[in-house]
C-alpha atoms as a PDB file:
ATOM      1  CA  MET A   1      46.321  30.388 -54.164  1.00  0.00           C
ATOM      2  CA  HIS A   2      44.388  33.636 -53.799  1.00  0.00           C
ATOM      3  CA  GLN A   3      43.883  36.985 -55.455  1.00  0.00           C
ATOM      4  CA  LYS A   4      42.314  40.158 -54.096  1.00  0.00           C
ATOM      5  CA  SER A   5      40.025  42.475 -56.037  1.00  0.00           C
ATOM      6  CA  SER A   6      36.815  44.458 -55.784  1.00  0.00           C
ATOM      7  CA  LEU A   7      33.512  44.538 -57.608  1.00  0.00           C
ATOM      8  CA  GLU A   8      30.899  47.241 -58.013  1.00  0.00           C
ATOM      9  CA  THR A   9      27.499  45.829 -57.018  1.00  0.00           C
ATOM     10  CA  GLY A  10      25.032  48.633 -57.419  1.00  0.00           C
ATOM     11  CA  ALA A  11      26.027  51.377 -54.973  1.00  0.00           C
ATOM     12  CA  THR A  12      28.277  49.034 -52.988  1.00  0.00           C
ATOM     13  CA  GLN A  13      31.897  48.148 -53.636  1.00  0.00           C
ATOM     14  CA  LEU A  14      32.460  44.551 -52.585  1.00  0.00           C
ATOM     15  CA  HIS A  15      36.032  43.606 -51.761  1.00  0.00           C
ATOM     16  CA  PHE A  16      36.699  39.943 -52.369  1.00  0.00           C
ATOM     17  CA  TYR A  17      39.441  37.358 -52.690  1.00  0.00           C
ATOM     18  CA  LYS A  18      39.602  34.498 -55.173  1.00  0.00           C
ATOM     19  CA  TYR A  19      40.861  31.151 -53.878  1.00  0.00           C
ATOM     20  CA  GLN A  20      41.102  27.695 -55.379  1.00  0.00           C
ATOM     21  CA  GLY A  21      41.528  24.321 -53.713  1.00  0.00           C
ATOM     22  CA  ALA A  22      42.324  21.299 -55.912  1.00  0.00           C
ATOM     23  CA  GLY A  23      40.678  23.138 -58.797  1.00  0.00           C
ATOM     24  CA  ASN A  24      37.499  24.176 -56.965  1.00  0.00           C
ATOM     25  CA  ASP A  25      37.445  27.974 -57.108  1.00  0.00           C
ATOM     26  CA  PHE A  26      35.657  30.291 -54.715  1.00  0.00           C
ATOM     27  CA  ILE A  27      34.971  33.961 -54.100  1.00  0.00           C
ATOM     28  CA  LEU A  28      35.677  34.842 -50.459  1.00  0.00           C
ATOM     29  CA  VAL A  29      34.543  37.918 -48.568  1.00  0.00           C
ATOM     30  CA  ASP A  30      35.590  39.183 -45.128  1.00  0.00           C
ATOM     31  CA  ASN A  31      32.300  39.879 -43.344  1.00  0.00           C
ATOM     32  CA  ARG A  32      33.603  40.003 -39.769  1.00  0.00           C
ATOM     33  CA  ALA A  33      32.012  43.405 -39.287  1.00  0.00           C
ATOM     34  CA  GLY A  34      28.650  41.976 -40.376  1.00  0.00           C
ATOM     35  CA  ARG A  35      27.974  44.848 -42.780  1.00  0.00           C
ATOM     36  CA  ILE A  36      27.139  42.705 -45.803  1.00  0.00           C
ATOM     37  CA  ASP A  37      23.682  41.202 -46.196  1.00  0.00           C
ATOM     38  CA  HIS A  38      24.548  38.220 -48.363  1.00  0.00           C
ATOM     39  CA  ARG A  39      21.030  36.805 -48.581  1.00  0.00           C
ATOM     40  CA  ARG A  40      20.825  37.917 -52.205  1.00  0.00           C
ATOM     41  CA  PRO A  41      20.690  34.861 -54.495  1.00  0.00           C
ATOM     42  CA  ALA A  42      20.558  36.838 -57.737  1.00  0.00           C
ATOM     43  CA  LEU A  43      23.630  38.881 -56.799  1.00  0.00           C
ATOM     44  CA  ILE A  44      25.655  35.837 -55.735  1.00  0.00           C
ATOM     45  CA  ALA A  45      24.694  33.971 -58.910  1.00  0.00           C
ATOM     46  CA  ALA A  46      25.711  36.997 -60.988  1.00  0.00           C
ATOM     47  CA  VAL A  47      29.086  37.307 -59.237  1.00  0.00           C
ATOM     48  CA  CYS A  48      29.753  33.574 -59.696  1.00  0.00           C
ATOM     49  CA  ASP A  49      28.868  33.678 -63.388  1.00  0.00           C
ATOM     50  CA  ARG A  50      31.958  32.763 -65.427  1.00  0.00           C
ATOM     51  CA  ARG A  51      31.120  34.962 -68.400  1.00  0.00           C
ATOM     52  CA  PHE A  52      29.569  38.072 -66.882  1.00  0.00           C
ATOM     53  CA  GLY A  53      30.845  37.966 -63.290  1.00  0.00           C
ATOM     54  CA  VAL A  54      33.975  36.972 -61.419  1.00  0.00           C
ATOM     55  CA  GLY A  55      33.382  33.248 -61.854  1.00  0.00           C
ATOM     56  CA  GLY A  56      33.460  30.572 -59.186  1.00  0.00           C
ATOM     57  CA  ASP A  57      32.021  27.281 -57.979  1.00  0.00           C
ATOM     58  CA  GLY A  58      30.685  29.145 -54.966  1.00  0.00           C
ATOM     59  CA  MET A  59      30.917  32.199 -52.728  1.00  0.00           C
ATOM     60  CA  MET A  60      31.843  32.296 -49.046  1.00  0.00           C
ATOM     61  CA  PHE A  61      31.571  34.836 -46.267  1.00  0.00           C
ATOM     62  CA  LEU A  62      33.848  34.659 -43.224  1.00  0.00           C
ATOM     63  CA  GLN A  63      31.955  35.860 -40.156  1.00  0.00           C
ATOM     64  CA  MET A  64      32.555  35.963 -36.421  1.00  0.00           C
ATOM     65  CA  LYS A  65      30.760  33.394 -34.271  1.00  0.00           C
ATOM     66  CA  GLU A  66      30.769  33.143 -30.487  1.00  0.00           C
ATOM     67  CA  GLY A  67      32.570  30.028 -29.292  1.00  0.00           C
ATOM     68  CA  TYR A  68      34.446  29.589 -32.573  1.00  0.00           C
ATOM     69  CA  ASP A  69      37.286  31.288 -34.405  1.00  0.00           C
ATOM     70  CA  PHE A  70      34.906  32.133 -37.248  1.00  0.00           C
ATOM     71  CA  GLU A  71      31.870  30.951 -39.178  1.00  0.00           C
ATOM     72  CA  MET A  72      31.887  29.756 -42.789  1.00  0.00           C
ATOM     73  CA  VAL A  73      28.770  30.817 -44.725  1.00  0.00           C
ATOM     74  CA  TYR A  74      28.734  29.195 -48.149  1.00  0.00           C
ATOM     75  CA  TYR A  75      26.569  29.638 -51.246  1.00  0.00           C
ATOM     76  CA  ASN A  76      26.586  27.561 -54.415  1.00  0.00           C
ATOM     77  CA  SER A  77      27.146  29.335 -57.715  1.00  0.00           C
ATOM     78  CA  ASP A  78      23.375  29.342 -58.298  1.00  0.00           C
ATOM     79  CA  GLY A  79      23.080  31.750 -55.370  1.00  0.00           C
ATOM     80  CA  GLN A  80      21.408  29.294 -53.002  1.00  0.00           C
ATOM     81  CA  PRO A  81      22.715  28.343 -49.530  1.00  0.00           C
ATOM     82  CA  SER A  82      24.823  25.206 -49.745  1.00  0.00           C
ATOM     83  CA  SER A  83      25.645  22.218 -47.627  1.00  0.00           C
ATOM     84  CA  MET A  84      29.276  21.680 -46.600  1.00  0.00           C
ATOM     85  CA  CYS A  85      32.054  22.140 -49.134  1.00  0.00           C
ATOM     86  CA  GLY A  86      35.327  20.392 -48.265  1.00  0.00           C
ATOM     87  CA  ASN A  87      37.652  22.292 -50.578  1.00  0.00           C
ATOM     88  CA  GLY A  88      35.815  25.484 -49.686  1.00  0.00           C
ATOM     89  CA  GLY A  89      36.468  24.702 -46.029  1.00  0.00           C
ATOM     90  CA  ARG A  90      40.184  24.363 -46.714  1.00  0.00           C
ATOM     91  CA  CYS A  91      40.195  27.645 -48.633  1.00  0.00           C
ATOM     92  CA  ILE A  92      38.416  29.589 -45.908  1.00  0.00           C
ATOM     93  CA  VAL A  93      40.921  28.295 -43.328  1.00  0.00           C
ATOM     94  CA  ALA A  94      43.744  29.682 -45.494  1.00  0.00           C
ATOM     95  CA  PHE A  95      41.746  32.907 -45.838  1.00  0.00           C
ATOM     96  CA  ALA A  96      41.339  33.149 -42.054  1.00  0.00           C
ATOM     97  CA  ARG A  97      45.106  32.726 -41.679  1.00  0.00           C
ATOM     98  CA  HIS A  98      45.677  35.464 -44.272  1.00  0.00           C
ATOM     99  CA  LEU A  99      43.367  37.813 -42.345  1.00  0.00           C
ATOM    100  CA  GLY A 100      45.134  37.049 -39.048  1.00  0.00           C
ATOM    101  CA  VAL A 101      42.041  35.456 -37.534  1.00  0.00           C
ATOM    102  CA  ILE A 102      43.889  32.204 -36.803  1.00  0.00           C
ATOM    103  CA  ASP A 103      47.460  30.945 -36.602  1.00  0.00           C
ATOM    104  CA  ARG A 104      48.177  27.258 -37.274  1.00  0.00           C
ATOM    105  CA  GLU A 105      44.951  25.598 -36.123  1.00  0.00           C
ATOM    106  CA  THR A 106      41.310  26.457 -35.835  1.00  0.00           C
ATOM    107  CA  ASN A 107      37.865  25.382 -34.737  1.00  0.00           C
ATOM    108  CA  PHE A 108      35.239  26.968 -36.959  1.00  0.00           C
ATOM    109  CA  LEU A 109      31.535  26.530 -37.602  1.00  0.00           C
ATOM    110  CA  ALA A 110      30.047  25.479 -40.945  1.00  0.00           C
ATOM    111  CA  VAL A 111      26.528  24.559 -41.961  1.00  0.00           C
ATOM    112  CA  ASP A 112      27.057  20.902 -40.987  1.00  0.00           C
ATOM    113  CA  GLY A 113      28.557  21.724 -37.589  1.00  0.00           C
ATOM    114  CA  PRO A 114      31.998  22.353 -36.045  1.00  0.00           C
ATOM    115  CA  HIS A 115      35.202  21.582 -37.941  1.00  0.00           C
ATOM    116  CA  TYR A 116      38.787  21.370 -36.756  1.00  0.00           C
ATOM    117  CA  ALA A 117      41.588  22.225 -39.178  1.00  0.00           C
ATOM    118  CA  THR A 118      45.317  22.847 -39.247  1.00  0.00           C
ATOM    119  CA  ILE A 119      47.396  24.824 -41.739  1.00  0.00           C
ATOM    120  CA  SER A 120      51.076  24.414 -42.533  1.00  0.00           C
ATOM    121  CA  ALA A 121      53.594  27.127 -41.658  1.00  0.00           C
ATOM    122  CA  ASP A 122      54.015  28.045 -45.324  1.00  0.00           C
ATOM    123  CA  THR A 123      50.195  28.056 -45.759  1.00  0.00           C
ATOM    124  CA  THR A 124      50.400  25.644 -48.711  1.00  0.00           C
ATOM    125  CA  SER A 125      48.579  22.760 -46.997  1.00  0.00           C
ATOM    126  CA  VAL A 126      45.327  22.672 -45.010  1.00  0.00           C
ATOM    127  CA  CYS A 127      44.099  19.537 -43.221  1.00  0.00           C
ATOM    128  CA  LEU A 128      40.374  19.612 -42.526  1.00  0.00           C
ATOM    129  CA  GLN A 129      38.505  17.215 -40.262  1.00  0.00           C
ATOM    130  CA  MET A 130      35.184  16.166 -41.781  1.00  0.00           C
ATOM    131  CA  ILE A 131      32.045  15.099 -39.925  1.00  0.00           C
ATOM    132  CA  ASP A 132      31.532  11.505 -38.812  1.00  0.00           C
ATOM    133  CA  VAL A 133      29.556   9.300 -41.192  1.00  0.00           C
ATOM    134  CA  ASN A 134      27.467   6.579 -39.553  1.00  0.00           C
ATOM    135  CA  THR A 135      25.195   5.515 -42.398  1.00  0.00           C
ATOM    136  CA  ILE A 136      25.912   4.305 -45.921  1.00  0.00           C
ATOM    137  CA  ARG A 137      23.002   2.934 -47.894  1.00  0.00           C
ATOM    138  CA  GLU A 138      22.915   1.225 -51.258  1.00  0.00           C
ATOM    139  CA  ASP A 139      20.983   2.244 -54.345  1.00  0.00           C
ATOM    140  CA  GLY A 140      21.390  -0.699 -56.664  1.00  0.00           C
ATOM    141  CA  GLU A 141      25.160  -1.063 -57.033  1.00  0.00           C
ATOM    142  CA  ALA A 142      25.775   2.556 -56.028  1.00  0.00           C
ATOM    143  CA  PHE A 143      26.291   3.999 -52.543  1.00  0.00           C
ATOM    144  CA  VAL A 144      24.550   6.991 -50.959  1.00  0.00           C
ATOM    145  CA  LEU A 145      25.941   8.846 -47.943  1.00  0.00           C
ATOM    146  CA  ASN A 146      26.273  12.291 -46.407  1.00  0.00           C
ATOM    147  CA  THR A 147      29.740  13.689 -45.684  1.00  0.00           C
ATOM    148  CA  GLY A 148      28.461  17.180 -44.981  1.00  0.00           C
ATOM    149  CA  SER A 149      26.785  17.133 -48.385  1.00  0.00           C
ATOM    150  CA  PRO A 150      24.737  14.273 -49.860  1.00  0.00           C
ATOM    151  CA  HIS A 151      26.618  12.069 -52.318  1.00  0.00           C
ATOM    152  CA  PHE A 152      25.867   9.299 -54.788  1.00  0.00           C
ATOM    153  CA  VAL A 153      28.890   7.099 -55.579  1.00  0.00           C
ATOM    154  CA  GLN A 154      28.863   4.847 -58.628  1.00  0.00           C
ATOM    155  CA  CYS A 155      31.689   2.651 -59.916  1.00  0.00           C
ATOM    156  CA  THR A 156      32.357   2.675 -63.625  1.00  0.00           C
ATOM    157  CA  THR A 157      34.993   2.051 -66.308  1.00  0.00           C
ATOM    158  CA  ALA A 158      36.458   4.205 -69.103  1.00  0.00           C
ATOM    159  CA  LEU A 159      35.619   7.248 -66.990  1.00  0.00           C
ATOM    160  CA  ARG A 160      37.771   9.690 -68.979  1.00  0.00           C
ATOM    161  CA  GLU A 161      35.537   9.164 -71.999  1.00  0.00           C
ATOM    162  CA  GLN A 162      32.219   9.430 -70.194  1.00  0.00           C
ATOM    163  CA  ASP A 163      29.822  12.374 -70.427  1.00  0.00           C
ATOM    164  CA  VAL A 164      29.729  13.117 -66.689  1.00  0.00           C
ATOM    165  CA  PHE A 165      27.520  16.163 -67.157  1.00  0.00           C
ATOM    166  CA  LYS A 166      24.794  14.150 -68.884  1.00  0.00           C
ATOM    167  CA  ALA A 167      25.050  11.050 -66.669  1.00  0.00           C
ATOM    168  CA  GLY A 168      25.369  13.027 -63.434  1.00  0.00           C
ATOM    169  CA  ARG A 169      22.486  15.319 -64.274  1.00  0.00           C
ATOM    170  CA  ALA A 170      20.243  12.347 -65.037  1.00  0.00           C
ATOM    171  CA  ILE A 171      20.850  10.917 -61.545  1.00  0.00           C
ATOM    172  CA  ARG A 172      20.693  14.271 -59.751  1.00  0.00           C
ATOM    173  CA  TYR A 173      17.290  15.017 -61.338  1.00  0.00           C
ATOM    174  CA  ASN A 174      15.773  11.537 -61.244  1.00  0.00           C
ATOM    175  CA  GLU A 175      12.606  10.777 -59.281  1.00  0.00           C
ATOM    176  CA  THR A 176      14.510   9.773 -56.142  1.00  0.00           C
ATOM    177  CA  TYR A 177      16.855  12.745 -55.809  1.00  0.00           C
ATOM    178  CA  SER A 178      15.380  15.665 -57.750  1.00  0.00           C
ATOM    179  CA  LYS A 179      13.644  17.355 -54.804  1.00  0.00           C
ATOM    180  CA  GLU A 180      16.666  17.730 -52.499  1.00  0.00           C
ATOM    181  CA  GLY A 181      19.366  17.202 -55.101  1.00  0.00           C
ATOM    182  CA  ILE A 182      22.484  15.091 -54.740  1.00  0.00           C
ATOM    183  CA  ASN A 183      26.121  15.247 -55.831  1.00  0.00           C
ATOM    184  CA  VAL A 184      27.030  12.419 -58.189  1.00  0.00           C
ATOM    185  CA  ASN A 185      30.485  10.817 -58.157  1.00  0.00           C
ATOM    186  CA  PHE A 186      31.699   8.390 -60.803  1.00  0.00           C
ATOM    187  CA  VAL A 187      34.659   6.249 -59.716  1.00  0.00           C
ATOM    188  CA  GLU A 188      37.108   4.114 -61.666  1.00  0.00           C
ATOM    189  CA  ASP A 189      39.301   1.700 -59.701  1.00  0.00           C
ATOM    190  CA  PHE A 190      42.867   1.495 -61.027  1.00  0.00           C
ATOM    191  CA  GLY A 191      44.067  -0.788 -58.239  1.00  0.00           C
ATOM    192  CA  ASP A 192      46.583   1.581 -56.660  1.00  0.00           C
ATOM    193  CA  HIS A 193      44.322   4.635 -56.897  1.00  0.00           C
ATOM    194  CA  TYR A 194      40.804   5.785 -57.750  1.00  0.00           C
ATOM    195  CA  PHE A 195      39.909   8.220 -60.505  1.00  0.00           C
ATOM    196  CA  VAL A 196      36.874  10.360 -59.607  1.00  0.00           C
ATOM    197  CA  ARG A 197      34.729  12.792 -61.562  1.00  0.00           C
ATOM    198  CA  THR A 198      31.889  14.659 -59.845  1.00  0.00           C
ATOM    199  CA  TYR A 199      28.707  16.410 -60.940  1.00  0.00           C
ATOM    200  CA  GLU A 200      27.772  18.942 -58.240  1.00  0.00           C
ATOM    201  CA  ARG A 201      24.280  20.126 -57.423  1.00  0.00           C
ATOM    202  CA  GLY A 202      24.032  23.899 -57.096  1.00  0.00           C
ATOM    203  CA  VAL A 203      26.818  24.316 -59.620  1.00  0.00           C
ATOM    204  CA  GLU A 204      24.810  21.990 -61.901  1.00  0.00           C
ATOM    205  CA  ASP A 205      27.883  20.898 -63.774  1.00  0.00           C
ATOM    206  CA  GLU A 206      31.017  18.835 -63.403  1.00  0.00           C
ATOM    207  CA  THR A 207      33.614  20.533 -61.198  1.00  0.00           C
ATOM    208  CA  PHE A 208      37.380  20.072 -61.182  1.00  0.00           C
ATOM    209  CA  ALA A 209      37.252  18.557 -57.690  1.00  0.00           C
ATOM    210  CA  CYS A 210      34.944  17.949 -54.727  1.00  0.00           C
ATOM    211  CA  GLY A 211      36.232  17.560 -51.174  1.00  0.00           C
ATOM    212  CA  THR A 212      33.104  16.060 -49.640  1.00  0.00           C
ATOM    213  CA  GLY A 213      32.836  13.933 -52.780  1.00  0.00           C
ATOM    214  CA  VAL A 214      36.244  12.265 -52.526  1.00  0.00           C
ATOM    215  CA  THR A 215      35.575  11.722 -48.821  1.00  0.00           C
ATOM    216  CA  ALA A 216      32.353   9.958 -49.773  1.00  0.00           C
ATOM    217  CA  VAL A 217      34.195   7.907 -52.387  1.00  0.00           C
ATOM    218  CA  ALA A 218      36.833   6.790 -49.873  1.00  0.00           C
ATOM    219  CA  LEU A 219      34.170   5.640 -47.415  1.00  0.00           C
ATOM    220  CA  ALA A 220      32.047   3.979 -50.093  1.00  0.00           C
ATOM    221  CA  MET A 221      35.017   2.064 -51.481  1.00  0.00           C
ATOM    222  CA  ALA A 222      35.966   0.974 -47.963  1.00  0.00           C
ATOM    223  CA  ARG A 223      32.449  -0.419 -47.618  1.00  0.00           C
ATOM    224  CA  LYS A 224      32.567  -2.024 -51.055  1.00  0.00           C
ATOM    225  CA  LYS A 225      35.873  -3.768 -50.312  1.00  0.00           C
ATOM    226  CA  ASP A 226      34.821  -4.606 -46.737  1.00  0.00           C
ATOM    227  CA  PHE A 227      37.751  -2.812 -45.111  1.00  0.00           C
ATOM    228  CA  GLY A 228      35.759  -2.585 -41.890  1.00  0.00           C
ATOM    229  CA  ALA A 229      36.166   1.202 -41.747  1.00  0.00           C
ATOM    230  CA  VAL A 230      32.450   1.955 -41.907  1.00  0.00           C
END
């Protein structure tokens, strides 16, 4: 889903689109001409502000890149450059299709390297290939791995009632992870499915979804149950 609008930012009118993927919402800008200097943390944070700006979990700029269909440049809602965002990657593929940059498949560049993706004919479904994960380490009973972004995966019970903001923030800012930050995923195993809630660094809050997070959860649970996948 997307919407188009514009925003006055000083003397500049910034045309943008608003997309959401699984509840993660993003502000997307067509910067193929390279006219926008987006290295402005305060501006990006202001635009992403949900009360005084447009509101979003992050902001992305679609740019041209030699050897690829396009480049994905992503910032967290705090205005700082981000690691890979899975749902953001799916949204920018749909955006590229909307702009006519791609047709049904693409190879694009993100901060964690090249990504291949396909989009359905009706543009309602995007399949995104994530990076390979070769290392999963344990932190007590939790798992730590990087799926384009660093993730902490912890199993729990009664997850719907938990204060994910408080618990996630405590882990994200503890002595081990405070310097670089980490995304914190809490997982409840229901047998036939997993229920996941994620606290995201950079947003510094719980988000509705996290693409790299659920990828990390899938791999961590495969390790936990000794599926032999990783």
